[in-house]
């Protein structure tokens, strides 16, 4: 399936003035410029990581072998760095992982 990148990313449809205003708003609210806000909490260590390939192209899923290798590496990384892994899914153009990390600074 082919995607039109301009239809997926609102940022690409903004004028330079609108981009500057959006960045100023994020800065004024002390939000990260290029990512969703991250909130510190002492009450949870559960995290959902999700990431997509650039322009949602099927980079992970170029081949079944590539997807298997990515899944293997992801599970190994999570197993070594997390207290508990609840779920993960690997798709041709993105992935998700739900897990527990006791201390993000370690």
N, C-alpha and C. Protein backbone atom coordinates (compact mmCIF):
# COMPACT_ATOMS: atom_id res chain seq x y z
N UNK A 1 0.83 -1.17 0.00
CA UNK A 1 0.00 0.00 0.00
C UNK A 1 0.88 1.24 0.00
N UNK A 2 0.62 2.16 -0.88
CA UNK A 2 1.40 3.38 -0.97
C UNK A 2 0.66 4.51 -0.27
N UNK A 3 1.39 5.31 0.49
CA UNK A 3 0.80 6.43 1.22
C UNK A 3 1.34 7.73 0.67
N UNK A 4 0.50 8.74 0.66
CA UNK A 4 0.93 10.08 0.32
C UNK A 4 1.41 10.74 1.60
N UNK A 5 2.70 11.00 1.74
CA UNK A 5 3.22 11.56 2.99
C UNK A 5 2.54 12.88 3.37
N UNK A 6 2.19 13.70 2.39
CA UNK A 6 1.57 14.98 2.70
C UNK A 6 0.19 14.81 3.32
N UNK A 7 -0.49 13.72 3.06
CA UNK A 7 -1.80 13.52 3.65
C UNK A 7 -1.70 12.99 5.07
N UNK A 8 -0.52 12.48 5.48
CA UNK A 8 -0.37 11.88 6.80
C UNK A 8 0.20 12.85 7.82
N UNK A 9 0.94 13.84 7.40
CA UNK A 9 1.64 14.70 8.32
C UNK A 9 1.11 16.13 8.24
N UNK A 10 0.38 16.54 9.27
CA UNK A 10 -0.19 17.88 9.31
C UNK A 10 0.89 18.94 9.16
N UNK A 11 2.05 18.69 9.77
CA UNK A 11 3.15 19.66 9.76
C UNK A 11 3.50 20.09 8.34
N UNK A 12 3.46 19.17 7.41
CA UNK A 12 3.85 19.48 6.03
C UNK A 12 2.85 20.40 5.33
N UNK A 13 1.66 20.53 5.88
CA UNK A 13 0.64 21.40 5.28
C UNK A 13 0.64 22.80 5.90
N UNK A 14 1.43 22.99 6.96
CA UNK A 14 1.46 24.29 7.63
C UNK A 14 2.32 25.28 6.86
N UNK A 15 1.93 26.55 6.96
CA UNK A 15 2.76 27.61 6.39
C UNK A 15 3.96 27.83 7.32
N UNK A 16 5.00 28.50 6.86
CA UNK A 16 6.14 28.79 7.75
C UNK A 16 5.70 29.54 9.02
N UNK A 17 4.74 30.42 8.88
CA UNK A 17 4.25 31.17 10.05
C UNK A 17 3.54 30.23 11.03
N UNK A 18 2.74 29.30 10.51
CA UNK A 18 2.04 28.34 11.37
C UNK A 18 3.03 27.41 12.07
N UNK A 19 4.09 27.02 11.37
CA UNK A 19 5.13 26.19 11.99
C UNK A 19 5.79 26.93 13.14
N UNK A 20 6.13 28.19 12.91
CA UNK A 20 6.78 28.99 13.95
C UNK A 20 5.85 29.15 15.15
N UNK A 21 4.57 29.36 14.91
CA UNK A 21 3.60 29.49 16.00
C UNK A 21 3.46 28.18 16.78
N UNK A 22 3.40 27.06 16.07
CA UNK A 22 3.28 25.76 16.74
C UNK A 22 4.50 25.49 17.62
N UNK A 23 5.69 25.77 17.11
CA UNK A 23 6.91 25.56 17.90
C UNK A 23 6.95 26.50 19.11
N UNK A 24 6.52 27.74 18.91
CA UNK A 24 6.50 28.69 20.03
C UNK A 24 5.53 28.23 21.11
N UNK A 25 4.38 27.70 20.70
CA UNK A 25 3.40 27.19 21.67
C UNK A 25 3.97 26.02 22.45
N UNK A 26 4.63 25.08 21.77
CA UNK A 26 5.22 23.93 22.46
C UNK A 26 6.31 24.39 23.44
N UNK A 27 7.12 25.35 23.00
CA UNK A 27 8.18 25.86 23.87
C UNK A 27 7.60 26.56 25.09
N UNK A 28 6.55 27.35 24.88
CA UNK A 28 5.91 28.08 25.99
C UNK A 28 5.31 27.13 27.01
N UNK A 29 4.84 25.97 26.55
CA UNK A 29 4.25 24.98 27.45
C UNK A 29 5.29 24.00 27.98
N UNK A 30 6.57 24.24 27.65
CA UNK A 30 7.68 23.38 28.08
C UNK A 30 7.49 21.94 27.61
N UNK A 31 7.01 21.79 26.37
CA UNK A 31 6.82 20.47 25.76
C UNK A 31 7.99 20.17 24.83
N UNK A 32 8.31 18.89 24.64
CA UNK A 32 9.36 18.56 23.67
C UNK A 32 8.97 19.06 22.28
N UNK A 33 9.93 19.52 21.52
CA UNK A 33 9.63 20.08 20.20
C UNK A 33 9.25 19.00 19.19
N UNK A 34 9.90 17.84 19.24
CA UNK A 34 9.70 16.83 18.20
C UNK A 34 9.06 15.55 18.69
N UNK A 35 8.38 15.57 19.82
CA UNK A 35 7.79 14.33 20.31
C UNK A 35 6.62 14.64 21.22
N UNK A 36 5.80 13.64 21.48
CA UNK A 36 4.71 13.85 22.44
C UNK A 36 5.30 14.17 23.81
N UNK A 37 4.52 14.83 24.66
CA UNK A 37 5.03 15.13 26.00
C UNK A 37 5.26 13.86 26.80
N UNK A 38 6.26 13.88 27.66
CA UNK A 38 6.57 12.77 28.55
C UNK A 38 6.42 13.28 29.98
N UNK A 39 5.68 12.56 30.78
CA UNK A 39 5.40 13.00 32.13
C UNK A 39 6.11 12.09 33.12
N UNK A 40 6.79 12.70 34.07
CA UNK A 40 7.44 11.95 35.14
C UNK A 40 6.38 11.55 36.15
N UNK A 41 6.48 10.34 36.67
CA UNK A 41 5.53 9.88 37.67
C UNK A 41 6.20 8.88 38.58
N UNK A 42 5.94 9.01 39.87
CA UNK A 42 6.42 8.03 40.83
C UNK A 42 5.45 6.87 40.99
N UNK A 43 4.28 6.98 40.36
CA UNK A 43 3.24 5.99 40.58
C UNK A 43 3.23 4.85 39.56
N UNK A 44 4.00 4.96 38.51
CA UNK A 44 3.97 3.89 37.51
C UNK A 44 5.34 3.69 36.88
N UNK A 45 5.56 2.50 36.46
CA UNK A 45 6.76 2.19 35.69
C UNK A 45 6.37 1.41 34.44
N UNK A 46 5.09 1.52 34.07
CA UNK A 46 4.58 0.87 32.86
C UNK A 46 4.74 1.84 31.69
N UNK A 47 5.25 1.33 30.60
CA UNK A 47 5.47 2.17 29.43
C UNK A 47 5.02 1.47 28.17
N UNK A 48 4.46 2.27 27.26
CA UNK A 48 4.13 1.79 25.93
C UNK A 48 5.05 2.52 24.97
N UNK A 49 5.88 1.76 24.30
CA UNK A 49 6.75 2.34 23.28
C UNK A 49 6.12 2.02 21.94
N UNK A 50 6.04 3.00 21.09
CA UNK A 50 5.54 2.79 19.75
C UNK A 50 6.37 3.66 18.81
N UNK A 51 6.69 3.13 17.67
CA UNK A 51 7.48 3.88 16.70
C UNK A 51 7.09 3.44 15.29
N UNK A 52 7.20 4.37 14.37
CA UNK A 52 6.86 4.09 12.98
C UNK A 52 8.05 4.40 12.08
N UNK A 53 8.11 3.70 11.00
CA UNK A 53 9.14 3.96 9.99
C UNK A 53 8.85 5.31 9.33
N UNK A 54 9.90 5.94 8.86
CA UNK A 54 9.77 7.23 8.19
C UNK A 54 8.73 7.15 7.08
N UNK A 55 7.80 8.09 7.13
CA UNK A 55 6.70 8.16 6.16
C UNK A 55 5.88 6.88 6.12
N UNK A 56 5.93 6.11 7.16
CA UNK A 56 5.17 4.86 7.30
C UNK A 56 5.44 3.86 6.17
N UNK A 57 6.64 3.94 5.63
CA UNK A 57 7.03 2.98 4.58
C UNK A 57 7.32 1.64 5.23
N UNK A 58 7.14 0.58 4.50
CA UNK A 58 7.33 -0.78 5.01
C UNK A 58 8.82 -1.14 5.05
N UNK A 59 9.54 -0.48 5.95
CA UNK A 59 10.97 -0.73 6.08
C UNK A 59 11.20 -1.99 6.91
N UNK A 60 10.52 -2.09 8.06
CA UNK A 60 10.66 -3.29 8.90
C UNK A 60 10.21 -4.51 8.12
N UNK A 61 9.13 -4.36 7.38
CA UNK A 61 8.54 -5.49 6.68
C UNK A 61 8.94 -5.61 5.22
N UNK A 62 10.16 -5.20 4.89
CA UNK A 62 10.63 -5.36 3.50
C UNK A 62 10.62 -6.83 3.09
N UNK A 63 10.83 -7.69 4.08
CA UNK A 63 10.82 -9.13 3.83
C UNK A 63 10.46 -9.84 5.13
N UNK A 64 9.96 -11.06 5.06
CA UNK A 64 9.68 -11.82 6.28
C UNK A 64 10.93 -12.00 7.15
N UNK A 65 12.08 -12.18 6.53
CA UNK A 65 13.33 -12.35 7.28
C UNK A 65 13.67 -11.08 8.06
N UNK A 66 13.48 -9.94 7.43
CA UNK A 66 13.78 -8.68 8.10
C UNK A 66 12.84 -8.47 9.29
N UNK A 67 11.56 -8.80 9.12
CA UNK A 67 10.61 -8.67 10.23
C UNK A 67 10.98 -9.60 11.37
N UNK A 68 11.34 -10.84 11.06
CA UNK A 68 11.74 -11.79 12.11
C UNK A 68 12.98 -11.30 12.84
N UNK A 69 13.95 -10.78 12.12
CA UNK A 69 15.17 -10.26 12.74
C UNK A 69 14.88 -9.06 13.63
N UNK A 70 14.02 -8.17 13.16
CA UNK A 70 13.66 -7.00 13.96
C UNK A 70 12.95 -7.43 15.24
N UNK A 71 12.01 -8.36 15.11
CA UNK A 71 11.29 -8.86 16.27
C UNK A 71 12.25 -9.52 17.27
N UNK A 72 13.16 -10.32 16.77
CA UNK A 72 14.14 -10.99 17.63
C UNK A 72 14.97 -9.96 18.39
N UNK A 73 15.46 -8.93 17.68
CA UNK A 73 16.28 -7.89 18.32
C UNK A 73 15.46 -7.07 19.32
N UNK A 74 14.22 -6.76 18.98
CA UNK A 74 13.36 -6.01 19.89
C UNK A 74 13.09 -6.79 21.17
N UNK A 75 12.74 -8.05 21.03
CA UNK A 75 12.46 -8.88 22.21
C UNK A 75 13.70 -9.04 23.07
N UNK A 76 14.85 -9.20 22.45
CA UNK A 76 16.11 -9.31 23.22
C UNK A 76 16.39 -8.02 23.98
N UNK A 77 16.23 -6.89 23.32
CA UNK A 77 16.45 -5.60 23.96
C UNK A 77 15.49 -5.41 25.13
N UNK A 78 14.22 -5.69 24.92
CA UNK A 78 13.23 -5.54 25.99
C UNK A 78 13.51 -6.51 27.14
N UNK A 79 13.86 -7.72 26.82
CA UNK A 79 14.13 -8.73 27.86
C UNK A 79 15.32 -8.33 28.72
N UNK A 80 16.32 -7.72 28.12
CA UNK A 80 17.52 -7.31 28.86
C UNK A 80 17.33 -6.02 29.64
N UNK A 81 16.43 -5.15 29.19
CA UNK A 81 16.31 -3.84 29.79
C UNK A 81 15.06 -3.59 30.61
N UNK A 82 14.13 -4.54 30.61
CA UNK A 82 12.85 -4.32 31.28
C UNK A 82 12.63 -5.37 32.36
N UNK A 83 11.91 -4.96 33.41
CA UNK A 83 11.57 -5.90 34.48
C UNK A 83 10.57 -6.93 34.00
N UNK A 84 9.64 -6.47 33.15
CA UNK A 84 8.60 -7.36 32.65
C UNK A 84 8.14 -6.86 31.30
N UNK A 85 7.91 -7.76 30.37
CA UNK A 85 7.37 -7.43 29.06
C UNK A 85 5.98 -8.05 28.98
N UNK A 86 4.98 -7.23 28.75
CA UNK A 86 3.61 -7.71 28.68
C UNK A 86 3.19 -8.10 27.27
N UNK A 87 3.54 -7.27 26.31
CA UNK A 87 3.11 -7.53 24.94
C UNK A 87 3.97 -6.74 23.97
N UNK A 88 4.05 -7.23 22.76
CA UNK A 88 4.69 -6.49 21.68
C UNK A 88 4.05 -6.94 20.39
N UNK A 89 4.15 -6.09 19.41
CA UNK A 89 3.72 -6.45 18.06
C UNK A 89 4.63 -5.73 17.08
N UNK A 90 4.98 -6.44 16.05
CA UNK A 90 5.82 -5.88 14.99
C UNK A 90 5.02 -5.97 13.70
N UNK A 91 4.86 -4.83 13.05
CA UNK A 91 4.12 -4.75 11.80
C UNK A 91 5.07 -4.24 10.72
N UNK A 92 4.67 -4.30 9.47
CA UNK A 92 5.60 -3.92 8.40
C UNK A 92 6.15 -2.50 8.49
N UNK A 93 5.38 -1.58 9.10
CA UNK A 93 5.85 -0.19 9.13
C UNK A 93 5.90 0.43 10.53
N UNK A 94 5.62 -0.35 11.57
CA UNK A 94 5.71 0.18 12.92
C UNK A 94 5.69 -0.95 13.94
N UNK A 95 5.92 -0.58 15.22
CA UNK A 95 5.87 -1.58 16.28
C UNK A 95 5.37 -0.95 17.58
N UNK A 96 4.94 -1.80 18.50
CA UNK A 96 4.50 -1.40 19.83
C UNK A 96 5.08 -2.37 20.84
N UNK A 97 5.36 -1.89 22.04
CA UNK A 97 5.81 -2.76 23.13
C UNK A 97 5.29 -2.19 24.44
N UNK A 98 4.66 -3.05 25.25
CA UNK A 98 4.16 -2.67 26.57
C UNK A 98 5.00 -3.40 27.60
N UNK A 99 5.62 -2.63 28.51
CA UNK A 99 6.56 -3.24 29.43
C UNK A 99 6.73 -2.41 30.70
N UNK A 100 7.47 -2.97 31.64
CA UNK A 100 7.79 -2.29 32.90
C UNK A 100 9.28 -2.00 32.93
N UNK A 101 9.62 -0.76 33.25
CA UNK A 101 11.01 -0.38 33.48
C UNK A 101 11.04 0.28 34.86
N UNK A 102 11.81 -0.28 35.76
CA UNK A 102 11.85 0.24 37.12
C UNK A 102 12.55 1.59 37.21
N UNK A 103 13.61 1.78 36.46
CA UNK A 103 14.34 3.03 36.53
C UNK A 103 14.84 3.39 35.14
N UNK A 104 14.28 4.44 34.57
CA UNK A 104 14.67 4.84 33.22
C UNK A 104 16.11 5.36 33.14
N UNK A 105 16.66 5.73 34.26
CA UNK A 105 18.01 6.31 34.26
C UNK A 105 19.11 5.25 34.31
N UNK A 106 18.78 4.01 34.55
CA UNK A 106 19.81 2.96 34.61
C UNK A 106 20.37 2.65 33.24
